[in-house]
């Protein structure tokens, strides 16, 4: 009796094993590295294994990549609002992967705020431009009435009552002569031209613009002298631009400079914290606190704007909400720097006073100058 034996080819077994192994291996579309198909994310670059591009995925990736809008945001938002100073303290103490980075949170919330505020800016800018144009038209009409010199007959009629001592008692002969000279000077064409509200002859500038005169001629018309430096020349160029646009867009240019200015104001706030808490950590620690506090300020502003878009809240309520940010700062300083509440209140008051009375006004002046030069 013959015994049948099934002899399998060893090479076939090896090929089958390789085929089975290849079925469990996939290639990452991003870094082209191989990894186990059961992995949800590539162990080499971190991209999702089955990352099919849909509208939802595209939107989520945009938010997540640029603003880190993920679970860390929600874990950070609650302590930011309801536990003053605690979030910054946890981040400084090493819990940094659990919470959103302070700069990323500041960036995200500030973008949301300025997006919401942009609708108000349009209203304010339109109202401001309309007021400037009306004021310009009023000045032009007033100039057309006042720019003509007074003739000698009119001067005589004006001066005659003053020469009657019964009409103006106590006026000496010398005082009468001085008054006559004042009227004569004020009635001259040169006086009318040189004392215009904007400091230059607007009608002359309009005529130069109408005939497409050279830039140098226009600059001389607004008072620029020969050999003027770069800033002086730029200033007078902006005056011409302001004149052409009748002030339109000036307020918009100012608001456009606010986000940039805040990037400088925030470190200054951190510097003040460093001055008052010299031995309480490095400058980076104070900067973390500042990022989170400014994020809270923008959050409050977003809430105020959002509610006012729905219902008009009385101004006194808005004021109380804004005032509450100061007491939030007191508690945040107390929790972050671990000092007594009274000392925290005194230091916070001093920091706020210096910041609001010195730093903020200087910043506004610089913003006005920059917005005009970049107008």
Protein backbone atom coordinates (compact mmCIF):
# COMPACT_ATOMS: atom_id res chain seq x y z
CA UNK A 1 0.00 0.00 0.00
CA UNK A 2 1.37 3.22 -1.07
CA UNK A 3 1.25 6.16 1.39
CA UNK A 4 0.44 9.55 -0.18
CA UNK A 5 2.43 12.40 1.29
CA UNK A 6 1.76 16.06 0.58
CA UNK A 7 5.09 17.66 0.07
CA UNK A 8 4.92 21.47 0.04
CA UNK A 9 7.47 23.51 -1.78
CA UNK A 10 9.52 25.52 0.79
CA UNK A 11 9.85 28.41 -1.62
CA UNK A 12 6.08 28.70 -1.87
CA UNK A 13 5.76 28.88 1.92
CA UNK A 14 8.30 31.70 2.01
CA UNK A 15 6.48 33.62 -0.70
CA UNK A 16 3.17 33.19 1.11
CA UNK A 17 4.69 34.50 4.31
CA UNK A 18 6.12 37.52 2.55
CA UNK A 19 2.73 38.18 0.92
CA UNK A 20 0.96 37.99 4.27
CA UNK A 21 3.53 40.33 5.79
CA UNK A 22 3.13 42.83 2.97
CA UNK A 23 -0.62 42.86 3.57
CA UNK A 24 -0.01 44.14 7.11
CA UNK A 25 2.37 46.89 5.94
CA UNK A 26 1.35 50.23 4.45
CA UNK A 27 3.32 53.19 3.16
CA UNK A 28 2.80 56.65 4.57
CA UNK A 29 1.68 59.08 1.89
CA UNK A 30 3.54 61.92 3.56
CA UNK A 31 7.03 60.59 4.43
CA UNK A 32 6.80 57.38 2.34
CA UNK A 33 7.96 55.24 5.27
CA UNK A 34 6.49 51.80 5.89
CA UNK A 35 4.61 50.98 9.06
CA UNK A 36 1.99 48.56 10.39
CA UNK A 37 -1.38 49.05 8.73
CA UNK A 38 -3.11 48.85 12.12
CA UNK A 39 -1.46 52.12 13.22
CA UNK A 40 -3.84 55.07 13.17
CA UNK A 41 -0.91 57.48 12.75
CA UNK A 42 2.47 57.17 11.09
CA UNK A 43 5.12 56.59 13.78
CA UNK A 44 7.67 58.52 11.69
CA UNK A 45 5.87 61.78 10.86
CA UNK A 46 2.56 61.60 12.75
CA UNK A 47 0.20 61.92 9.77
CA UNK A 48 -3.07 60.02 10.01
CA UNK A 49 -2.98 56.69 8.14
CA UNK A 50 -6.36 57.00 6.44
CA UNK A 51 -6.28 60.72 5.83
CA UNK A 52 -8.86 61.12 3.10
CA UNK A 53 -9.20 64.76 2.11
CA UNK A 54 -12.72 66.04 2.66
CA UNK A 55 -14.08 69.52 3.34
CA UNK A 56 -14.34 68.72 7.04
CA UNK A 57 -10.78 67.39 7.21
CA UNK A 58 -9.49 70.40 5.27
CA UNK A 59 -11.20 72.85 7.63
CA UNK A 60 -10.08 71.00 10.77
CA UNK A 61 -6.47 70.77 9.59
CA UNK A 62 -6.41 74.49 8.83
CA UNK A 63 -7.64 75.39 12.30
CA UNK A 64 -5.52 72.77 14.05
CA UNK A 65 -2.29 73.63 12.22
CA UNK A 66 -2.49 77.40 12.55
CA UNK A 67 -4.40 77.87 15.79
CA UNK A 68 -4.16 74.47 17.53
CA UNK A 69 -7.93 74.39 17.84
CA UNK A 70 -8.12 70.96 19.44
CA UNK A 71 -8.87 69.40 22.83
CA UNK A 72 -6.06 71.43 24.40
CA UNK A 73 -7.94 74.62 23.64
CA UNK A 74 -10.99 73.53 25.60
CA UNK A 75 -8.83 72.20 28.44
CA UNK A 76 -7.12 75.60 28.57
CA UNK A 77 -10.16 77.83 28.13
CA UNK A 78 -12.01 76.85 31.30
CA UNK A 79 -9.12 77.53 33.74
CA UNK A 80 -8.22 80.68 31.77
CA UNK A 81 -11.64 82.19 32.44
CA UNK A 82 -12.59 80.76 35.83
CA UNK A 83 -9.20 80.18 37.54
CA UNK A 84 -7.15 83.40 37.28
CA UNK A 85 -3.41 82.75 37.07
CA UNK A 86 -3.71 78.97 37.49
CA UNK A 87 -3.26 78.13 33.80
CA UNK A 88 -0.06 80.18 33.53
CA UNK A 89 1.28 78.60 36.71
CA UNK A 90 0.61 75.07 35.45
CA UNK A 91 2.27 75.82 32.12
CA UNK A 92 5.38 77.25 33.79
CA UNK A 93 5.54 74.26 36.16
CA UNK A 94 5.89 71.89 33.22
CA UNK A 95 2.39 70.86 32.14
CA UNK A 96 2.85 72.12 28.60
CA UNK A 97 1.50 69.35 26.38
CA UNK A 98 -1.78 69.23 28.28
CA UNK A 99 -2.61 72.91 27.65
CA UNK A 100 -2.51 75.19 24.64
CA UNK A 101 0.66 77.21 24.21
CA UNK A 102 0.09 80.77 25.52
CA UNK A 103 1.20 82.45 22.28
CA UNK A 104 -1.09 80.20 20.22
CA UNK A 105 -4.05 80.92 22.49
CA UNK A 106 -3.36 84.65 22.29
CA UNK A 107 -3.11 84.48 18.50
CA UNK A 108 -6.33 82.52 18.09
CA UNK A 109 -8.47 84.62 20.44
CA UNK A 110 -7.07 87.91 19.11
CA UNK A 111 -7.90 86.89 15.54
CA UNK A 112 -11.47 86.08 16.61
CA UNK A 113 -11.75 89.43 18.40
CA UNK A 114 -10.45 91.55 15.52
CA UNK A 115 -12.71 89.67 13.11
CA UNK A 116 -15.74 90.53 15.26
CA UNK A 117 -14.52 94.07 15.85
CA UNK A 118 -13.99 94.68 12.12
CA UNK A 119 -17.75 95.10 11.66
CA UNK A 120 -17.77 97.89 14.25
CA UNK A 121 -14.67 99.44 12.69
CA UNK A 122 -16.50 99.76 9.38
CA UNK A 123 -19.33 101.65 11.08
CA UNK A 124 -16.96 103.93 13.00
CA UNK A 125 -14.80 104.54 9.93
CA UNK A 126 -17.78 105.40 7.71
CA UNK A 127 -19.15 107.81 10.33
CA UNK A 128 -15.72 109.38 10.83
CA UNK A 129 -15.14 109.81 7.08
CA UNK A 130 -18.54 111.44 6.68
CA UNK A 131 -17.79 113.88 9.50
CA UNK A 132 -14.39 114.77 8.05
CA UNK A 133 -15.88 115.41 4.61
CA UNK A 134 -18.62 117.60 6.05
CA UNK A 135 -16.04 119.55 8.08
CA UNK A 136 -13.89 119.98 4.97
CA UNK A 137 -16.84 121.29 2.96
CA UNK A 138 -17.70 123.70 5.79
CA UNK A 139 -14.12 125.02 5.93
CA UNK A 140 -14.09 125.47 2.15
CA UNK A 141 -17.31 127.46 2.24
CA UNK A 142 -16.01 129.53 5.15
CA UNK A 143 -12.74 130.21 3.33
CA UNK A 144 -14.61 131.40 0.27
CA UNK A 145 -16.34 133.98 2.50
CA UNK A 146 -13.31 135.07 4.53
CA UNK A 147 -10.51 134.94 1.98
CA UNK A 148 -11.53 138.19 0.26
CA UNK A 149 -9.76 141.28 1.61
CA UNK A 150 -11.87 144.04 3.18
CA UNK A 151 -11.93 147.25 1.17
CA UNK A 152 -11.07 150.64 2.66
CA UNK A 153 -14.71 151.77 2.85
CA UNK A 154 -15.61 148.74 4.96
CA UNK A 155 -12.62 149.34 7.22
CA UNK A 156 -13.78 152.93 7.73
CA UNK A 157 -17.30 151.83 8.65
CA UNK A 158 -15.94 149.29 11.15
CA UNK A 159 -13.55 151.79 12.73
CA UNK A 160 -15.98 154.72 12.90
CA UNK A 161 -17.90 153.58 16.02
CA UNK A 162 -14.64 153.08 17.90
CA UNK A 163 -13.61 156.66 17.26
CA UNK A 164 -16.71 157.81 19.07
CA UNK A 165 -15.76 157.89 22.74
CA UNK A 166 -19.43 157.84 23.70
CA UNK A 167 -19.86 154.48 21.94
CA UNK A 168 -16.70 152.91 23.41
CA UNK A 169 -15.79 154.84 26.53
CA UNK A 170 -12.22 154.74 27.81
CA UNK A 171 -10.55 153.99 24.42
CA UNK A 172 -7.48 156.20 24.02
CA UNK A 173 -6.17 157.61 20.73
CA UNK A 174 -3.23 155.16 20.78
CA UNK A 175 -5.61 152.20 21.28
CA UNK A 176 -7.72 153.42 18.34
CA UNK A 177 -4.63 153.43 16.10
CA UNK A 178 -3.67 149.89 17.19
CA UNK A 179 -7.15 148.65 16.42
CA UNK A 180 -7.06 150.26 12.98
CA UNK A 181 -3.73 148.54 12.22
CA UNK A 182 -5.13 145.16 13.33
CA UNK A 183 -8.11 145.47 11.00
CA UNK A 184 -5.86 146.55 8.12
CA UNK A 185 -3.51 143.58 8.55
CA UNK A 186 -6.36 141.09 8.99
CA UNK A 187 -8.02 142.34 5.82
CA UNK A 188 -4.95 141.77 3.62
CA UNK A 189 -4.94 138.83 1.12
CA UNK A 190 -1.71 137.43 2.61
CA UNK A 191 -3.26 137.18 6.06
CA UNK A 192 -6.31 135.38 4.71
CA UNK A 193 -4.10 132.92 2.86
CA UNK A 194 -1.61 132.22 5.64
CA UNK A 195 -4.20 131.71 8.39
CA UNK A 196 -6.27 129.01 6.77
CA UNK A 197 -7.33 126.15 9.07
CA UNK A 198 -5.06 123.55 7.46
CA UNK A 199 -2.00 125.80 7.20
CA UNK A 200 -1.83 125.81 3.39
CA UNK A 201 -3.75 127.19 0.45
CA UNK A 202 -6.12 124.36 -0.38
CA UNK A 203 -7.47 126.05 -3.49
CA UNK A 204 -3.95 126.36 -4.87
CA UNK A 205 -3.29 122.69 -4.08
CA UNK A 206 -6.54 121.70 -5.79
CA UNK A 207 -5.53 123.61 -8.90
CA UNK A 208 -2.10 121.93 -8.94
CA UNK A 209 -3.72 118.52 -8.60
CA UNK A 210 -6.20 119.38 -11.38
CA UNK A 211 -3.43 120.27 -13.84
CA UNK A 212 -1.40 117.23 -12.75
CA UNK A 213 1.49 119.31 -11.44
CA UNK A 214 4.69 117.64 -10.31
CA UNK A 215 4.98 116.17 -6.84
CA UNK A 216 7.56 118.77 -5.79
CA UNK A 217 5.21 121.62 -6.71
CA UNK A 218 2.43 120.06 -4.68
CA UNK A 219 4.76 119.49 -1.74
CA UNK A 220 5.87 123.13 -1.81
CA UNK A 221 2.20 124.16 -1.86
CA UNK A 222 1.61 122.40 1.48
CA UNK A 223 4.63 124.04 3.09
CA UNK A 224 7.55 121.70 2.53
CA UNK A 225 10.85 123.57 2.30
CA UNK A 226 13.80 122.79 0.11
CA UNK A 227 16.22 120.19 1.45
CA UNK A 228 13.62 118.52 3.65
CA UNK A 229 14.57 115.12 5.06
CA UNK A 230 12.85 111.81 4.42
CA UNK A 231 10.40 111.97 7.34
CA UNK A 232 9.56 115.61 6.62
CA UNK A 233 8.94 114.81 2.97
CA UNK A 234 6.88 111.73 3.86
CA UNK A 235 4.78 113.79 6.26
CA UNK A 236 3.92 116.37 3.58
CA UNK A 237 3.17 113.60 1.07
CA UNK A 238 0.67 112.18 3.54
CA UNK A 239 -0.86 115.65 3.94
CA UNK A 240 -1.47 115.73 0.18
CA UNK A 241 -2.94 112.23 0.27
CA UNK A 242 -5.14 113.20 3.22
CA UNK A 243 -6.29 116.26 1.25
CA UNK A 244 -7.09 114.24 -1.87
CA UNK A 245 -9.11 111.68 0.09
CA UNK A 246 -10.68 114.36 2.30
CA UNK A 247 -9.59 112.32 5.31
CA UNK A 248 -11.27 109.15 4.12
CA UNK A 249 -9.80 105.96 5.58
CA UNK A 250 -7.81 107.71 8.32
CA UNK A 251 -9.62 105.96 11.17
CA UNK A 252 -9.37 102.64 9.35
CA UNK A 253 -5.59 103.11 9.07
CA UNK A 254 -5.45 103.73 12.83
CA UNK A 255 -7.38 100.57 13.67
CA UNK A 256 -5.20 98.59 11.27
CA UNK A 257 -2.17 99.52 13.37
CA UNK A 258 -3.72 98.24 16.63
CA UNK A 259 -2.92 94.50 16.21
CA UNK A 260 0.72 95.28 15.42
CA UNK A 261 0.97 97.64 18.37
CA UNK A 262 -0.34 95.01 20.77
CA UNK A 263 2.62 92.78 19.97
CA UNK A 264 4.79 95.53 21.50
CA UNK A 265 2.44 96.45 24.33
CA UNK A 266 2.26 92.88 25.61
CA UNK A 267 6.04 92.52 26.23
CA UNK A 268 6.03 95.94 27.92
CA UNK A 269 3.39 94.62 30.31
CA UNK A 270 5.66 91.62 30.97
CA UNK A 271 8.56 94.00 31.65
CA UNK A 272 6.49 95.81 34.29
CA UNK A 273 5.72 92.46 35.92
CA UNK A 274 9.42 91.67 35.92
CA UNK A 275 10.19 95.01 37.60
CA UNK A 276 7.64 94.46 40.39
CA UNK A 277 8.43 90.74 40.75
CA UNK A 278 12.16 90.78 40.11
CA UNK A 279 12.92 87.56 41.97
CA UNK A 280 9.87 85.61 40.83
CA UNK A 281 11.14 83.82 37.77
CA UNK A 282 12.68 84.64 34.43
CA UNK A 283 11.28 87.12 31.95
CA UNK A 284 9.78 84.21 29.97
CA UNK A 285 7.65 83.34 33.01
CA UNK A 286 6.20 86.85 33.11
CA UNK A 287 5.66 86.69 29.36
CA UNK A 288 3.61 83.50 29.74
CA UNK A 289 1.42 85.24 32.32
CA UNK A 290 1.00 88.24 29.98
CA UNK A 291 -0.02 86.07 27.02
CA UNK A 292 -2.70 84.34 29.04
CA UNK A 293 -3.96 87.56 30.63
CA UNK A 294 -4.25 89.35 27.29
CA UNK A 295 -6.04 86.27 25.96
CA UNK A 296 -8.53 86.68 28.79
CA UNK A 297 -8.97 90.37 27.92
CA UNK A 298 -9.72 89.50 24.30
CA UNK A 299 -12.16 86.84 25.47
CA UNK A 300 -14.06 89.40 27.54
CA UNK A 301 -14.11 91.82 24.61
CA UNK A 302 -15.44 89.07 22.34
CA UNK A 303 -18.23 88.33 24.81
CA UNK A 304 -19.16 92.02 25.07
CA UNK A 305 -19.17 92.46 21.29
CA UNK A 306 -21.13 89.26 20.73
CA UNK A 307 -23.85 90.18 23.22
CA UNK A 308 -24.09 93.75 21.92
CA UNK A 309 -24.58 92.46 18.40
CA UNK A 310 -27.67 90.60 19.67
CA UNK A 311 -29.02 93.07 22.25
CA UNK A 312 -27.84 96.57 23.09
CA UNK A 313 -26.39 96.41 26.61
CA UNK A 314 -26.32 99.65 28.64
CA UNK A 315 -22.91 101.32 28.75
CA UNK A 316 -22.70 101.07 32.53
CA UNK A 317 -22.89 97.27 32.31
CA UNK A 318 -20.11 97.24 29.69
CA UNK A 319 -18.06 99.44 32.02
CA UNK A 320 -18.55 97.09 34.97
CA UNK A 321 -17.54 94.09 32.86
CA UNK A 322 -14.38 95.86 31.72
CA UNK A 323 -13.66 96.94 35.30
CA UNK A 324 -13.93 93.33 36.43
CA UNK A 325 -10.82 92.52 34.37
CA UNK A 326 -8.80 94.51 36.91
CA UNK A 327 -10.02 92.36 39.80
CA UNK A 328 -9.36 89.30 37.66
CA UNK A 329 -5.79 90.54 37.32
CA UNK A 330 -5.47 90.95 41.09
CA UNK A 331 -6.54 87.33 41.67
CA UNK A 332 -4.33 86.12 38.81
CA UNK A 333 -1.29 87.87 40.28
CA UNK A 334 -2.09 86.47 43.73
CA UNK A 335 -2.36 82.88 42.45
CA UNK A 336 0.56 83.06 40.05
CA UNK A 337 3.11 84.82 42.28
CA UNK A 338 1.72 83.37 45.52
CA UNK A 339 1.55 86.56 47.51
CA UNK A 340 -0.89 88.04 49.97
CA UNK A 341 -4.08 89.47 48.44
CA UNK A 342 -3.39 92.95 49.85
CA UNK A 343 0.15 93.07 48.43
CA UNK A 344 -1.14 91.72 45.13
CA UNK A 345 -3.79 94.46 45.02
CA UNK A 346 -1.21 97.20 45.72
CA UNK A 347 1.24 95.94 43.08
CA UNK A 348 -1.48 95.34 40.52
CA UNK A 349 -2.79 98.88 41.06
CA UNK A 350 0.68 100.34 40.55
CA UNK A 351 1.30 98.25 37.43
CA UNK A 352 -2.09 99.22 35.99
CA UNK A 353 -1.53 102.90 36.76
CA UNK A 354 1.87 102.99 35.06
CA UNK A 355 0.58 101.02 32.10
CA UNK A 356 -2.62 103.03 31.57
CA UNK A 357 -1.25 106.47 32.39
CA UNK A 358 2.16 106.28 30.71
CA UNK A 359 2.55 103.29 28.41
CA UNK A 360 -0.90 103.32 26.79
CA UNK A 361 -0.97 107.07 25.95
CA UNK A 362 2.52 106.88 24.47
CA UNK A 363 1.43 103.87 22.45
CA UNK A 364 -1.60 105.74 21.14
CA UNK A 365 0.57 108.68 20.06
CA UNK A 366 2.97 106.35 18.28
CA UNK A 367 0.04 104.53 16.64
CA UNK A 368 -1.39 107.84 15.43
CA UNK A 369 1.95 108.87 13.97
CA UNK A 370 2.54 105.51 12.29
CA UNK A 371 -1.00 105.26 10.95
CA UNK A 372 -0.66 108.75 9.44
CA UNK A 373 2.73 108.00 7.88
CA UNK A 374 1.41 104.69 6.51
CA UNK A 375 -1.97 106.14 5.55
